[in-house]
Every structure is written in C-alpha cells, then in structure tokens.
Protein backbone atom coordinates (compact mmCIF):
# COMPACT_ATOMS: atom_id res chain seq x y z
CA MET A 1 11.88 -2.77 -17.36
CA GLU A 2 13.37 -2.44 -13.87
CA TRP A 3 12.11 -0.07 -11.15
CA GLY A 4 15.32 1.98 -11.27
CA GLN A 5 14.69 2.64 -14.97
CA VAL A 6 11.16 3.82 -14.19
CA LEU A 7 12.51 6.27 -11.60
CA GLU A 8 15.17 7.59 -13.99
CA ASP A 9 12.91 8.02 -17.03
CA PRO A 10 12.14 11.76 -17.44
CA VAL A 11 8.91 11.03 -19.33
CA LEU A 12 7.55 8.91 -16.46
CA LYS A 13 8.48 11.31 -13.62
CA GLU A 14 5.56 13.69 -14.05
CA LEU A 15 2.74 11.26 -14.78
CA PRO A 16 -0.54 12.23 -13.04
CA TYR A 17 -1.25 8.63 -12.05
CA LYS A 18 0.32 5.76 -10.19
CA ILE A 19 2.35 3.16 -12.06
CA GLU A 20 3.58 -0.30 -11.10
CA LEU A 21 5.49 -3.01 -12.92
CA ASN A 22 3.88 -6.36 -13.64
CA GLU A 23 5.79 -9.64 -13.50
CA ASP A 24 6.95 -9.15 -17.12
CA GLY A 25 8.42 -5.71 -16.40
CA HIS A 26 5.61 -3.89 -18.22
CA ILE A 27 4.19 -0.68 -16.82
CA VAL A 28 0.69 -0.89 -15.36
CA MET A 29 -1.04 2.47 -14.92
CA SER A 30 -3.79 3.39 -12.49
CA PRO A 31 -5.39 6.82 -12.82
CA ALA A 32 -5.99 8.31 -9.38
CA SER A 33 -9.13 10.35 -8.69
CA ASN A 34 -9.44 13.15 -6.17
CA LEU A 35 -11.54 10.80 -4.04
CA HIS A 36 -8.64 8.33 -4.06
CA GLY A 37 -6.26 11.04 -2.84
CA TYR A 38 -8.75 12.19 -0.23
CA LEU A 39 -9.10 8.67 1.18
CA GLN A 40 -5.32 8.28 1.25
CA SER A 41 -5.01 11.50 3.25
CA ARG A 42 -7.79 10.45 5.66
CA LEU A 43 -6.01 7.14 6.27
CA VAL A 44 -2.74 8.97 6.97
CA MET A 45 -4.46 11.35 9.42
CA GLU A 46 -6.25 8.54 11.26
CA LEU A 47 -3.07 6.45 11.50
CA ALA A 48 -1.15 9.46 12.84
CA LYS A 49 -3.69 9.77 15.67
CA LYS A 50 -3.29 6.13 16.70
CA ILE A 51 0.41 5.26 16.14
CA ASP A 52 3.33 6.87 17.98
CA ASP A 53 6.17 4.72 16.67
CA GLY A 54 7.55 4.43 13.15
CA ASP A 55 6.59 6.29 10.01
CA ILE A 56 3.54 6.58 7.79
CA LEU A 57 4.42 6.43 4.11
CA VAL A 58 2.43 7.02 0.91
CA GLU A 59 3.00 5.59 -2.57
CA THR A 60 5.43 3.01 -1.20
CA SER A 61 7.18 0.79 -3.76
CA ILE A 62 7.67 -2.84 -2.71
CA GLN A 63 9.52 -5.54 -4.65
CA THR A 64 7.19 -8.56 -4.75
CA SER A 65 7.31 -11.92 -6.49
CA LYS A 66 5.31 -10.26 -9.30
CA ASN A 67 7.63 -7.24 -9.65
CA VAL A 68 7.12 -3.82 -8.04
CA LYS A 69 3.78 -2.94 -6.48
CA VAL A 70 3.03 0.45 -4.93
CA ALA A 71 0.93 0.51 -1.75
CA ASP A 72 -1.16 3.65 -1.31
CA VAL A 73 -0.36 4.02 2.40
CA CYS A 74 1.97 2.08 4.68
CA TRP A 75 3.09 2.12 8.26
CA ALA A 76 6.67 1.05 8.93
CA SER A 77 8.01 0.54 12.43
CA SER A 78 11.16 2.32 13.61
CA HIS A 79 12.95 -1.02 13.33
CA PHE A 80 11.88 -1.36 9.67
CA ILE A 81 13.07 2.18 8.87
CA GLU A 82 16.38 1.57 10.70
CA LYS A 83 16.94 -1.55 8.62
CA PHE A 84 15.77 -0.36 5.19
CA GLY A 85 15.75 3.45 5.40
CA PHE A 86 14.10 4.71 2.24
CA GLU A 87 15.48 2.06 -0.11
CA THR A 88 13.52 2.07 -3.35
CA PRO A 89 11.80 -0.27 -3.86
CA TYR A 90 11.68 -1.89 -0.46
CA PRO A 91 12.86 -5.53 -0.59
CA LYS A 92 10.36 -6.35 2.17
CA ALA A 93 6.88 -4.97 2.85
CA PRO A 94 6.35 -2.62 5.79
CA GLU A 95 4.26 -4.05 8.62
CA LEU A 96 1.04 -2.44 7.36
CA CYS A 97 0.17 -1.96 3.68
CA ILE A 98 -3.05 -0.22 2.63
CA GLU A 99 -4.67 -0.11 -0.79
CA VAL A 100 -7.41 2.36 -1.68
CA ARG A 101 -9.58 0.51 -4.13
CA SER A 102 -10.22 2.29 -7.41
CA PRO A 103 -13.30 1.56 -9.54
CA SER A 104 -11.01 -0.11 -12.10
CA ASN A 105 -9.56 -2.57 -9.54
CA THR A 106 -10.93 -6.10 -9.74
CA GLU A 107 -11.46 -8.38 -6.76
CA ARG A 108 -8.72 -10.61 -8.21
CA GLU A 109 -6.24 -7.69 -8.28
CA MET A 110 -7.01 -6.81 -4.67
CA SER A 111 -6.69 -10.43 -3.53
CA GLU A 112 -3.38 -10.72 -5.35
CA LYS A 113 -2.00 -7.58 -3.70
CA ILE A 114 -3.05 -8.84 -0.28
CA GLU A 115 -1.19 -12.11 -0.92
CA LEU A 116 1.89 -10.37 -2.35
CA TYR A 117 2.27 -7.93 0.55
CA LEU A 118 1.71 -10.62 3.19
CA ALA A 119 4.22 -12.90 1.43
CA LYS A 120 6.79 -10.07 1.57
CA GLY A 121 6.41 -9.61 5.34
CA ALA A 122 3.42 -7.35 5.95
CA LEU A 123 1.57 -8.21 9.15
CA GLU A 124 -1.67 -6.74 7.81
CA VAL A 125 -3.09 -5.45 4.55
CA TRP A 126 -6.08 -3.14 4.52
CA ILE A 127 -8.38 -2.49 1.59
CA CYS A 128 -10.30 0.80 1.72
CA ASP A 129 -13.35 1.11 -0.54
CA SER A 130 -14.74 4.27 -2.14
CA GLU A 131 -17.06 4.81 0.84
CA GLY A 132 -14.10 4.90 3.24
CA LEU A 133 -14.87 1.50 4.78
CA VAL A 134 -11.83 -0.63 5.49
CA ARG A 135 -11.40 -4.41 5.44
CA PHE A 136 -8.49 -6.02 7.29
CA PHE A 137 -6.41 -9.03 6.25
CA CYS A 138 -3.62 -10.94 7.95
CA HIS A 139 -1.95 -14.31 7.36
CA GLU A 140 -5.02 -16.09 8.80
CA GLY A 141 -7.40 -14.32 6.40
CA GLU A 142 -9.89 -11.50 6.87
CA ILE A 143 -10.26 -10.18 10.42
CA ALA A 144 -12.86 -7.87 11.99
CA GLU A 145 -10.41 -5.36 13.39
CA SER A 146 -6.77 -4.42 13.08
CA ARG A 147 -4.26 -6.08 15.37
CA VAL A 148 -1.53 -3.65 14.29
CA VAL A 149 -3.55 -0.47 14.91
CA PRO A 150 -6.03 -0.87 17.80
CA GLY A 151 -9.21 1.12 17.23
CA PHE A 152 -9.61 0.33 13.57
CA ALA A 153 -12.51 -2.03 12.88
CA THR A 154 -14.65 -2.91 9.86
CA ASN A 155 -17.43 -0.56 10.91
CA VAL A 156 -15.09 2.46 11.19
CA ARG A 157 -15.19 4.85 8.24
CA VAL A 158 -12.12 6.96 7.43
C-alpha cells in the first residue's frame, strides 16, 4: 500500500488511532491515549513559547527508507515550509521530529525512528516519555539539551 492510498481510503479516514506504513506497505496501528494527546499538546505549547520562526506541526507524515512514519510533533523552519509546503508525505524530515512514547512502543522501535528521521534530514529527534520527560538525539547520539530549541534540557518536564 502507498501513503496516497491510505489518505484516499474512506474506511481509514476516521480511525481513532495513528497509522503508519511499514517497509512492506502494511498498515501499522498505534492506539493513542488521552495522555498521549495531552503530552503532544504540551510539547506544541512549549515549542510555541520558544520558537518564533517556522511552523509547529502534529501528526506529520515523513517518507523514510522504511516507508511512511508519522512523527507526533515537528518543527519545520520557514525555509523547509517554503521548499516543501504541506506535501504529504514529506520527502525529507523537518528539522525537529518528536515522538511521544506509548506503552506499546519498544526501545527498538524508538531507536529505529530516531535513526530514520535523522537519516532523512532531521537535526534532532526528541523522545517524550509518559511522565513528560524528554530525551534529545542528534547525529552524534544522545545529548543533554536541545541545540535546536534552547531551554529544553533532559530535566525539563513538559
């Protein structure tokens, strides 16, 4: 299955959970809890306080080497938006991609998403746990604080 087919399918349009495509084109479903949505909204609000440029996006589809992945929250610079607009899925990752970890997510899944987003051009990937604590990753590995968004550090809770 291709991402365009997912978007066009009337049965899939109203699903109450997030879906992605794995490398074989099969749908992978992740049920989202209210806590998950709350943490997404907190991340958006905190980013809005700290970033003047660009746009904050939610549920952002990105074409990766393992098909389409959907980041929970992203920040895209004005330059990124000028270049790609709201192309779906994005052929390149926005500068910042954030995943809110669900209880069903394995460490392997999270590591893979970090690698996939960085390989597609993200400068940083953040992983937010169920307590609202955020870990930061860049091409060099895990870092103690964000270089993209000053003021975000590992001891800051969203």
